[in-house]
Amino acid sequence: MDRLRRFFDGGFRLMDAVMALSMLAMIVIVFANVVLRYGFASGILGSVELSRFLFVWIVMLGAVACLRDDDHLQLTTMLEALPAGLRRIVTVLTSVVIMLCCAMLALGSYRQAMANWANPQPMSGIPVGAVYLAGAVGGVLMAAVALVRVFRRLPPAGGAPAGSDPV
């Protein structure tokens, strides 16, 4: 179990690094394009498409990171007023609903990615499907985080309450 935990922690660190590098690349591309346009009456072809592509991927991976760290906006006033047993049930049901929504996101995005993979963007040549693939990857990863949360919040076979710490 410890190896599995280290594997997932390493994967999340890699995801954070990919987001940081993507943000850096986006900043450099946009800044360079602005300087070239206003300073030299030139520009980088495809910079808008590439920065949009990176932005979509950053948003989807960022949503995974927020779910992992439990940083999404939450209204917990009613949940905190419930008894501990009922609170656990509502929390598990919430994670199941999140899982189902993320599965729908992943399936719909995957279908769009496959339908648009052969269509390149006009300037950068990046397949349009690669943009939709971000939703599929994000949906699968968020569904996995929600699934782990469901099993962490269910009581173990011995009947003692399970911990509710985030993934």
N, C-alpha and C. Protein backbone atom coordinates (compact mmCIF):
# COMPACT_ATOMS: atom_id res chain seq x y z
N MET A 1 0.82 -1.19 0.00
CA MET A 1 0.00 0.00 0.00
C MET A 1 0.87 1.26 0.00
N ASP A 2 2.01 1.17 0.69
CA ASP A 2 2.92 2.32 0.75
C ASP A 2 3.53 2.59 -0.62
N ARG A 3 3.83 1.53 -1.37
CA ARG A 3 4.38 1.70 -2.72
C ARG A 3 3.35 2.36 -3.63
N LEU A 4 2.11 1.93 -3.51
CA LEU A 4 1.04 2.52 -4.31
C LEU A 4 0.88 4.00 -3.99
N ARG A 5 0.94 4.33 -2.73
CA ARG A 5 0.82 5.73 -2.30
C ARG A 5 1.97 6.57 -2.87
N ARG A 6 3.19 6.03 -2.83
CA ARG A 6 4.35 6.75 -3.38
C ARG A 6 4.23 6.90 -4.90
N PHE A 7 3.69 5.87 -5.56
CA PHE A 7 3.48 5.93 -7.01
C PHE A 7 2.53 7.07 -7.36
N PHE A 8 1.39 7.14 -6.65
CA PHE A 8 0.42 8.20 -6.92
C PHE A 8 0.96 9.57 -6.55
N ASP A 9 1.69 9.66 -5.45
CA ASP A 9 2.30 10.95 -5.08
C ASP A 9 3.28 11.41 -6.15
N GLY A 10 4.06 10.48 -6.68
CA GLY A 10 4.98 10.82 -7.76
C GLY A 10 4.25 11.26 -9.02
N GLY A 11 3.14 10.59 -9.31
CA GLY A 11 2.33 10.98 -10.47
C GLY A 11 1.75 12.38 -10.31
N PHE A 12 1.30 12.70 -9.09
CA PHE A 12 0.76 14.03 -8.84
C PHE A 12 1.86 15.09 -8.89
N ARG A 13 3.05 14.76 -8.42
CA ARG A 13 4.17 15.71 -8.53
C ARG A 13 4.52 15.96 -9.99
N LEU A 14 4.50 14.90 -10.80
CA LEU A 14 4.75 15.03 -12.23
C LEU A 14 3.68 15.91 -12.88
N MET A 15 2.43 15.69 -12.50
CA MET A 15 1.34 16.50 -13.04
C MET A 15 1.52 17.98 -12.67
N ASP A 16 1.91 18.24 -11.42
CA ASP A 16 2.16 19.62 -11.00
C ASP A 16 3.31 20.25 -11.80
N ALA A 17 4.35 19.46 -12.07
CA ALA A 17 5.48 19.97 -12.85
C ALA A 17 5.06 20.26 -14.29
N VAL A 18 4.24 19.38 -14.87
CA VAL A 18 3.74 19.60 -16.23
C VAL A 18 2.91 20.89 -16.29
N MET A 19 2.07 21.11 -15.28
CA MET A 19 1.28 22.35 -15.24
C MET A 19 2.18 23.57 -15.14
N ALA A 20 3.19 23.51 -14.29
CA ALA A 20 4.09 24.65 -14.11
C ALA A 20 4.87 24.94 -15.40
N LEU A 21 5.39 23.90 -16.03
CA LEU A 21 6.12 24.09 -17.29
C LEU A 21 5.21 24.59 -18.40
N SER A 22 3.98 24.11 -18.43
CA SER A 22 3.02 24.58 -19.43
C SER A 22 2.69 26.06 -19.22
N MET A 23 2.54 26.44 -17.97
CA MET A 23 2.27 27.86 -17.68
C MET A 23 3.46 28.72 -18.09
N LEU A 24 4.65 28.26 -17.79
CA LEU A 24 5.85 28.99 -18.17
C LEU A 24 5.94 29.12 -19.69
N ALA A 25 5.70 28.02 -20.40
CA ALA A 25 5.74 28.05 -21.87
C ALA A 25 4.68 29.01 -22.42
N MET A 26 3.51 28.98 -21.84
CA MET A 26 2.44 29.87 -22.29
C MET A 26 2.82 31.33 -22.10
N ILE A 27 3.39 31.65 -20.95
CA ILE A 27 3.81 33.02 -20.67
C ILE A 27 4.89 33.47 -21.65
N VAL A 28 5.88 32.61 -21.89
CA VAL A 28 6.98 32.95 -22.81
C VAL A 28 6.44 33.15 -24.23
N ILE A 29 5.57 32.25 -24.67
CA ILE A 29 5.04 32.34 -26.04
C ILE A 29 4.23 33.62 -26.23
N VAL A 30 3.35 33.90 -25.30
CA VAL A 30 2.50 35.10 -25.42
C VAL A 30 3.36 36.36 -25.33
N PHE A 31 4.29 36.40 -24.38
CA PHE A 31 5.16 37.58 -24.24
C PHE A 31 5.99 37.79 -25.50
N ALA A 32 6.60 36.73 -26.00
CA ALA A 32 7.42 36.85 -27.21
C ALA A 32 6.58 37.31 -28.39
N ASN A 33 5.37 36.79 -28.49
CA ASN A 33 4.49 37.19 -29.59
C ASN A 33 4.12 38.67 -29.50
N VAL A 34 3.86 39.16 -28.29
CA VAL A 34 3.53 40.58 -28.12
C VAL A 34 4.73 41.45 -28.50
N VAL A 35 5.92 41.08 -28.04
CA VAL A 35 7.12 41.85 -28.37
C VAL A 35 7.35 41.84 -29.88
N LEU A 36 7.22 40.68 -30.51
CA LEU A 36 7.43 40.60 -31.95
C LEU A 36 6.40 41.41 -32.73
N ARG A 37 5.15 41.37 -32.27
CA ARG A 37 4.11 42.11 -32.99
C ARG A 37 4.29 43.61 -32.90
N TYR A 38 4.51 44.11 -31.69
CA TYR A 38 4.58 45.55 -31.51
C TYR A 38 5.97 46.12 -31.77
N GLY A 39 6.98 45.30 -31.59
CA GLY A 39 8.34 45.80 -31.79
C GLY A 39 8.88 45.58 -33.18
N PHE A 40 8.45 44.51 -33.83
CA PHE A 40 9.06 44.14 -35.11
C PHE A 40 8.03 43.86 -36.21
N ALA A 41 6.76 44.17 -35.96
CA ALA A 41 5.69 43.96 -36.94
C ALA A 41 5.70 42.53 -37.49
N SER A 42 5.92 41.59 -36.60
CA SER A 42 5.98 40.18 -36.96
C SER A 42 5.25 39.40 -35.87
N GLY A 43 5.35 38.12 -35.85
CA GLY A 43 4.71 37.32 -34.81
C GLY A 43 5.02 35.85 -34.97
N ILE A 44 4.57 35.08 -34.02
CA ILE A 44 4.78 33.63 -34.04
C ILE A 44 3.49 33.00 -34.53
N LEU A 45 3.58 32.31 -35.66
CA LEU A 45 2.40 31.62 -36.19
C LEU A 45 1.96 30.54 -35.21
N GLY A 46 0.72 30.48 -34.96
CA GLY A 46 0.18 29.44 -34.09
C GLY A 46 0.32 29.71 -32.61
N SER A 47 0.81 30.88 -32.23
CA SER A 47 1.00 31.14 -30.80
C SER A 47 -0.32 31.19 -30.04
N VAL A 48 -1.35 31.72 -30.67
CA VAL A 48 -2.66 31.79 -30.00
C VAL A 48 -3.21 30.38 -29.82
N GLU A 49 -3.09 29.56 -30.85
CA GLU A 49 -3.59 28.18 -30.75
C GLU A 49 -2.81 27.38 -29.72
N LEU A 50 -1.50 27.53 -29.72
CA LEU A 50 -0.68 26.80 -28.76
C LEU A 50 -0.95 27.25 -27.33
N SER A 51 -1.08 28.55 -27.11
CA SER A 51 -1.37 29.03 -25.76
C SER A 51 -2.76 28.59 -25.31
N ARG A 52 -3.73 28.56 -26.22
CA ARG A 52 -5.07 28.07 -25.87
C ARG A 52 -5.02 26.58 -25.52
N PHE A 53 -4.27 25.80 -26.30
CA PHE A 53 -4.09 24.38 -26.03
C PHE A 53 -3.50 24.16 -24.64
N LEU A 54 -2.43 24.89 -24.34
CA LEU A 54 -1.79 24.76 -23.02
C LEU A 54 -2.73 25.19 -21.90
N PHE A 55 -3.49 26.26 -22.14
CA PHE A 55 -4.41 26.75 -21.12
C PHE A 55 -5.48 25.71 -20.79
N VAL A 56 -6.04 25.09 -21.81
CA VAL A 56 -7.07 24.06 -21.58
C VAL A 56 -6.49 22.91 -20.75
N TRP A 57 -5.28 22.47 -21.10
CA TRP A 57 -4.66 21.38 -20.35
C TRP A 57 -4.34 21.79 -18.91
N ILE A 58 -3.89 23.03 -18.72
CA ILE A 58 -3.60 23.52 -17.37
C ILE A 58 -4.88 23.54 -16.53
N VAL A 59 -5.98 23.99 -17.12
CA VAL A 59 -7.25 24.06 -16.40
C VAL A 59 -7.71 22.66 -15.99
N MET A 60 -7.64 21.70 -16.91
CA MET A 60 -8.12 20.35 -16.58
C MET A 60 -7.22 19.66 -15.56
N LEU A 61 -5.92 19.80 -15.70
CA LEU A 61 -5.02 19.20 -14.71
C LEU A 61 -5.12 19.94 -13.38
N GLY A 62 -5.36 21.24 -13.44
CA GLY A 62 -5.56 22.02 -12.22
C GLY A 62 -6.81 21.60 -11.48
N ALA A 63 -7.86 21.23 -12.22
CA ALA A 63 -9.08 20.74 -11.58
C ALA A 63 -8.81 19.43 -10.85
N VAL A 64 -7.98 18.59 -11.44
CA VAL A 64 -7.59 17.33 -10.77
C VAL A 64 -6.82 17.65 -9.48
N ALA A 65 -5.88 18.58 -9.57
CA ALA A 65 -5.09 18.95 -8.39
C ALA A 65 -5.98 19.54 -7.30
N CYS A 66 -6.95 20.35 -7.68
CA CYS A 66 -7.86 20.93 -6.68
C CYS A 66 -8.71 19.85 -6.02
N LEU A 67 -9.18 18.89 -6.81
CA LEU A 67 -9.98 17.81 -6.21
C LEU A 67 -9.11 16.97 -5.29
N ARG A 68 -7.88 16.70 -5.70
CA ARG A 68 -6.95 15.92 -4.87
C ARG A 68 -6.72 16.61 -3.53
N ASP A 69 -6.53 17.93 -3.56
CA ASP A 69 -6.23 18.68 -2.34
C ASP A 69 -7.48 19.19 -1.63
N ASP A 70 -8.65 18.87 -2.17
CA ASP A 70 -9.93 19.30 -1.60
C ASP A 70 -10.03 20.83 -1.57
N ASP A 71 -9.58 21.47 -2.64
CA ASP A 71 -9.55 22.93 -2.72
C ASP A 71 -10.70 23.53 -3.52
N HIS A 72 -11.59 22.71 -4.06
CA HIS A 72 -12.73 23.26 -4.79
C HIS A 72 -13.66 23.98 -3.82
N LEU A 73 -14.41 24.93 -4.34
CA LEU A 73 -15.37 25.67 -3.54
C LEU A 73 -16.41 24.69 -2.98
N GLN A 74 -16.65 24.77 -1.68
CA GLN A 74 -17.60 23.87 -1.03
C GLN A 74 -18.49 24.66 -0.08
N LEU A 75 -19.71 24.24 0.03
CA LEU A 75 -20.62 24.76 1.05
C LEU A 75 -20.86 23.62 2.03
N THR A 76 -20.29 23.71 3.21
CA THR A 76 -20.33 22.59 4.15
C THR A 76 -21.16 22.87 5.39
N THR A 77 -21.90 23.96 5.41
CA THR A 77 -22.66 24.32 6.60
C THR A 77 -23.65 23.21 6.98
N MET A 78 -24.41 22.74 6.01
CA MET A 78 -25.39 21.69 6.31
C MET A 78 -24.70 20.37 6.63
N LEU A 79 -23.63 20.07 5.91
CA LEU A 79 -22.91 18.82 6.14
C LEU A 79 -22.34 18.77 7.55
N GLU A 80 -21.79 19.88 8.02
CA GLU A 80 -21.21 19.91 9.36
C GLU A 80 -22.25 19.80 10.45
N ALA A 81 -23.50 20.10 10.15
CA ALA A 81 -24.57 20.00 11.14
C ALA A 81 -25.09 18.58 11.29
N LEU A 82 -24.71 17.69 10.36
CA LEU A 82 -25.20 16.31 10.41
C LEU A 82 -24.41 15.48 11.41
N PRO A 83 -25.03 14.43 11.95
CA PRO A 83 -24.28 13.49 12.80
C PRO A 83 -23.19 12.79 11.98
N ALA A 84 -22.17 12.30 12.65
CA ALA A 84 -20.99 11.73 11.97
C ALA A 84 -21.35 10.62 10.99
N GLY A 85 -22.24 9.72 11.37
CA GLY A 85 -22.61 8.61 10.48
C GLY A 85 -23.30 9.09 9.21
N LEU A 86 -24.23 9.99 9.36
CA LEU A 86 -24.95 10.54 8.21
C LEU A 86 -24.01 11.40 7.35
N ARG A 87 -23.10 12.11 8.01
CA ARG A 87 -22.11 12.92 7.29
C ARG A 87 -21.26 12.04 6.39
N ARG A 88 -20.85 10.88 6.89
CA ARG A 88 -20.05 9.95 6.09
C ARG A 88 -20.85 9.46 4.89
N ILE A 89 -22.13 9.14 5.09
CA ILE A 89 -22.97 8.66 3.99
C ILE A 89 -23.11 9.74 2.92
N VAL A 90 -23.39 10.97 3.33
CA VAL A 90 -23.54 12.07 2.38
C VAL A 90 -22.23 12.32 1.64
N THR A 91 -21.12 12.22 2.34
CA THR A 91 -19.82 12.44 1.72
C THR A 91 -19.53 11.36 0.69
N VAL A 92 -19.85 10.11 1.00
CA VAL A 92 -19.65 9.02 0.05
C VAL A 92 -20.55 9.22 -1.17
N LEU A 93 -21.82 9.58 -0.94
CA LEU A 93 -22.73 9.82 -2.06
C LEU A 93 -22.25 10.98 -2.92
N THR A 94 -21.70 12.01 -2.30
CA THR A 94 -21.16 13.14 -3.05
C THR A 94 -20.00 12.68 -3.93
N SER A 95 -19.13 11.85 -3.39
CA SER A 95 -18.01 11.33 -4.19
C SER A 95 -18.49 10.47 -5.34
N VAL A 96 -19.56 9.71 -5.12
CA VAL A 96 -20.13 8.88 -6.20
C VAL A 96 -20.69 9.77 -7.31
N VAL A 97 -21.39 10.84 -6.93
CA VAL A 97 -21.93 11.77 -7.93
C VAL A 97 -20.79 12.44 -8.69
N ILE A 98 -19.73 12.83 -7.99
CA ILE A 98 -18.56 13.42 -8.65
C ILE A 98 -17.97 12.41 -9.63
N MET A 99 -17.88 11.16 -9.22
CA MET A 99 -17.36 10.11 -10.09
C MET A 99 -18.19 9.99 -11.37
N LEU A 100 -19.50 9.96 -11.22
CA LEU A 100 -20.38 9.82 -12.38
C LEU A 100 -20.27 11.02 -13.32
N CYS A 101 -20.23 12.22 -12.76
CA CYS A 101 -20.09 13.43 -13.59
C CYS A 101 -18.75 13.43 -14.33
N CYS A 102 -17.69 13.03 -13.63
CA CYS A 102 -16.37 12.99 -14.26
C CYS A 102 -16.31 11.90 -15.33
N ALA A 103 -17.00 10.79 -15.11
CA ALA A 103 -17.05 9.73 -16.13
C ALA A 103 -17.78 10.23 -17.38
N MET A 104 -18.86 10.99 -17.20
CA MET A 104 -19.56 11.57 -18.35
C MET A 104 -18.66 12.57 -19.08
N LEU A 105 -17.94 13.39 -18.32
CA LEU A 105 -16.98 14.33 -18.92
C LEU A 105 -15.93 13.58 -19.72
N ALA A 106 -15.37 12.54 -19.13
CA ALA A 106 -14.31 11.78 -19.80
C ALA A 106 -14.83 11.11 -21.07
N LEU A 107 -16.00 10.50 -21.00
CA LEU A 107 -16.56 9.81 -22.17
C LEU A 107 -16.89 10.79 -23.29
N GLY A 108 -17.56 11.89 -22.95
CA GLY A 108 -17.90 12.89 -23.97
C GLY A 108 -16.67 13.52 -24.58
N SER A 109 -15.68 13.83 -23.75
CA SER A 109 -14.45 14.44 -24.26
C SER A 109 -13.67 13.46 -25.13
N TYR A 110 -13.65 12.19 -24.72
CA TYR A 110 -12.96 11.18 -25.52
C TYR A 110 -13.61 11.05 -26.90
N ARG A 111 -14.93 11.03 -26.91
CA ARG A 111 -15.64 10.93 -28.20
C ARG A 111 -15.33 12.13 -29.09
N GLN A 112 -15.31 13.32 -28.51
CA GLN A 112 -14.98 14.51 -29.28
C GLN A 112 -13.53 14.48 -29.75
N ALA A 113 -12.64 13.99 -28.89
CA ALA A 113 -11.22 13.91 -29.27
C ALA A 113 -11.05 12.98 -30.48
N MET A 114 -11.71 11.83 -30.44
CA MET A 114 -11.59 10.89 -31.55
C MET A 114 -12.25 11.43 -32.82
N ALA A 115 -13.37 12.13 -32.67
CA ALA A 115 -14.07 12.69 -33.83
C ALA A 115 -13.27 13.81 -34.48
N ASN A 116 -12.45 14.52 -33.70
CA ASN A 116 -11.72 15.68 -34.22
C ASN A 116 -10.22 15.48 -34.33
N TRP A 117 -9.75 14.25 -34.12
CA TRP A 117 -8.30 14.02 -34.13
C TRP A 117 -7.68 14.30 -35.50
N ALA A 118 -8.41 14.03 -36.55
CA ALA A 118 -7.86 14.21 -37.90
C ALA A 118 -7.92 15.66 -38.36
N ASN A 119 -8.54 16.54 -37.59
CA ASN A 119 -8.65 17.95 -37.96
C ASN A 119 -7.53 18.75 -37.31
N PRO A 120 -6.56 19.19 -38.08
CA PRO A 120 -5.49 20.01 -37.48
C PRO A 120 -5.93 21.47 -37.33
N GLN A 121 -5.41 22.13 -36.31
CA GLN A 121 -5.66 23.56 -36.19
C GLN A 121 -4.90 24.26 -37.32
N PRO A 122 -5.45 25.34 -37.86
CA PRO A 122 -4.90 25.90 -39.09
C PRO A 122 -3.46 26.41 -39.00
N MET A 123 -3.07 27.01 -37.90
CA MET A 123 -1.73 27.61 -37.85
C MET A 123 -0.69 26.69 -37.20
N SER A 124 -1.06 26.05 -36.09
CA SER A 124 -0.08 25.25 -35.36
C SER A 124 -0.02 23.80 -35.84
N GLY A 125 -1.10 23.32 -36.44
CA GLY A 125 -1.15 21.94 -36.88
C GLY A 125 -1.47 20.95 -35.77
N ILE A 126 -1.69 21.45 -34.55
CA ILE A 126 -2.06 20.57 -33.44
C ILE A 126 -3.45 20.00 -33.72
N PRO A 127 -3.63 18.70 -33.57
CA PRO A 127 -4.97 18.15 -33.80
C PRO A 127 -5.99 18.76 -32.84
N VAL A 128 -7.15 19.11 -33.36
CA VAL A 128 -8.21 19.67 -32.52
C VAL A 128 -8.59 18.67 -31.43
N GLY A 129 -8.50 17.39 -31.76
CA GLY A 129 -8.81 16.35 -30.79
C GLY A 129 -7.92 16.38 -29.57
N ALA A 130 -6.70 16.91 -29.71
CA ALA A 130 -5.78 16.98 -28.57
C ALA A 130 -6.29 17.95 -27.51
N VAL A 131 -7.04 18.94 -27.93
CA VAL A 131 -7.64 19.88 -26.97
C VAL A 131 -8.73 19.15 -26.18
N TYR A 132 -9.57 18.40 -26.88
CA TYR A 132 -10.64 17.65 -26.21
C TYR A 132 -10.10 16.53 -25.33
N LEU A 133 -8.93 16.02 -25.68
CA LEU A 133 -8.32 14.95 -24.89
C LEU A 133 -8.03 15.40 -23.46
N ALA A 134 -7.83 16.69 -23.26
CA ALA A 134 -7.61 17.22 -21.90
C ALA A 134 -8.81 16.92 -21.01
N GLY A 135 -10.01 17.05 -21.54
CA GLY A 135 -11.22 16.75 -20.77
C GLY A 135 -11.31 15.27 -20.43
N ALA A 136 -10.91 14.42 -21.37
CA ALA A 136 -10.94 12.98 -21.12
C ALA A 136 -9.95 12.59 -20.03
N VAL A 137 -8.73 13.11 -20.14
CA VAL A 137 -7.70 12.80 -19.14
C VAL A 137 -8.10 13.36 -17.78
N GLY A 138 -8.53 14.62 -17.76
CA GLY A 138 -8.97 15.23 -16.50
C GLY A 138 -10.14 14.49 -15.88
N GLY A 139 -11.11 14.10 -16.70
CA GLY A 139 -12.27 13.37 -16.20
C GLY A 139 -11.90 12.03 -15.59
N VAL A 140 -11.02 11.30 -16.26
CA VAL A 140 -10.58 10.00 -15.73
C VAL A 140 -9.82 10.17 -14.41
N LEU A 141 -8.91 11.16 -14.37
CA LEU A 141 -8.13 11.36 -13.15
C LEU A 141 -9.01 11.83 -11.99
N MET A 142 -9.96 12.73 -12.26
CA MET A 142 -10.86 13.18 -11.19
C MET A 142 -11.78 12.05 -10.72
N ALA A 143 -12.23 11.21 -11.65
CA ALA A 143 -13.05 10.06 -11.26
C ALA A 143 -12.24 9.10 -10.40
N ALA A 144 -10.97 8.93 -10.71
CA ALA A 144 -10.11 8.05 -9.91
C ALA A 144 -9.93 8.61 -8.50
N VAL A 145 -9.72 9.94 -8.40
CA VAL A 145 -9.58 10.55 -7.08
C VAL A 145 -10.87 10.36 -6.28
N ALA A 146 -12.02 10.57 -6.92
CA ALA A 146 -13.30 10.39 -6.23
C ALA A 146 -13.51 8.94 -5.82
N LEU A 147 -13.10 7.99 -6.66
CA LEU A 147 -13.23 6.57 -6.32
C LEU A 147 -12.40 6.22 -5.10
N VAL A 148 -11.18 6.71 -5.05
CA VAL A 148 -10.33 6.46 -3.88
C VAL A 148 -10.99 7.04 -2.63
N ARG A 149 -11.59 8.21 -2.76
CA ARG A 149 -12.26 8.83 -1.62
C ARG A 149 -13.45 8.00 -1.14
N VAL A 150 -14.17 7.40 -2.06
CA VAL A 150 -15.30 6.54 -1.66
C VAL A 150 -14.79 5.40 -0.80
N PHE A 151 -13.73 4.73 -1.23
CA PHE A 151 -13.22 3.59 -0.47
C PHE A 151 -12.55 4.00 0.83
N ARG A 152 -11.99 5.18 0.88
CA ARG A 152 -11.39 5.65 2.13
C ARG A 152 -12.44 6.00 3.17
N ARG A 153 -13.61 6.40 2.74
CA ARG A 153 -14.64 6.83 3.69
C ARG A 153 -15.58 5.70 4.09
N LEU A 154 -15.52 4.58 3.39
CA LEU A 154 -16.33 3.44 3.78
C LEU A 154 -15.67 2.76 4.98
N PRO A 155 -16.48 2.24 5.90
CA PRO A 155 -15.87 1.54 7.04
C PRO A 155 -15.21 0.24 6.58
N PRO A 156 -14.07 -0.11 7.16
CA PRO A 156 -13.41 -1.36 6.80
C PRO A 156 -14.21 -2.57 7.28
N ALA A 157 -13.76 -3.76 6.90
CA ALA A 157 -14.49 -4.98 7.22
C ALA A 157 -14.70 -5.17 8.72
N GLY A 158 -13.76 -4.68 9.54
CA GLY A 158 -13.87 -4.83 10.98
C GLY A 158 -14.93 -3.93 11.61
N GLY A 159 -15.45 -2.97 10.86
CA GLY A 159 -16.51 -2.11 11.36
C GLY A 159 -16.02 -0.80 11.97
N ALA A 160 -14.71 -0.63 12.16
CA ALA A 160 -14.21 0.64 12.68
C ALA A 160 -14.31 1.71 11.61
N PRO A 161 -14.56 2.95 11.96
CA PRO A 161 -14.71 3.98 10.94
C PRO A 161 -13.42 4.23 10.17
N ALA A 162 -13.58 4.46 8.88
CA ALA A 162 -12.43 4.73 8.01
C ALA A 162 -12.05 6.19 8.10
N GLY A 163 -10.78 6.46 7.80
CA GLY A 163 -10.31 7.85 7.79
C GLY A 163 -10.89 8.60 6.62
N SER A 164 -10.96 9.90 6.72
CA SER A 164 -11.54 10.68 5.62
C SER A 164 -10.53 11.67 5.04
N ASP A 165 -9.23 11.34 5.19
CA ASP A 165 -8.24 12.26 4.65
C ASP A 165 -8.25 12.19 3.12
N PRO A 166 -7.96 13.32 2.46
CA PRO A 166 -8.02 13.33 1.00
C PRO A 166 -6.92 12.50 0.39
N VAL A 167 -7.08 12.21 -0.90
CA VAL A 167 -6.12 11.40 -1.64
C VAL A 167 -4.77 12.04 -1.63
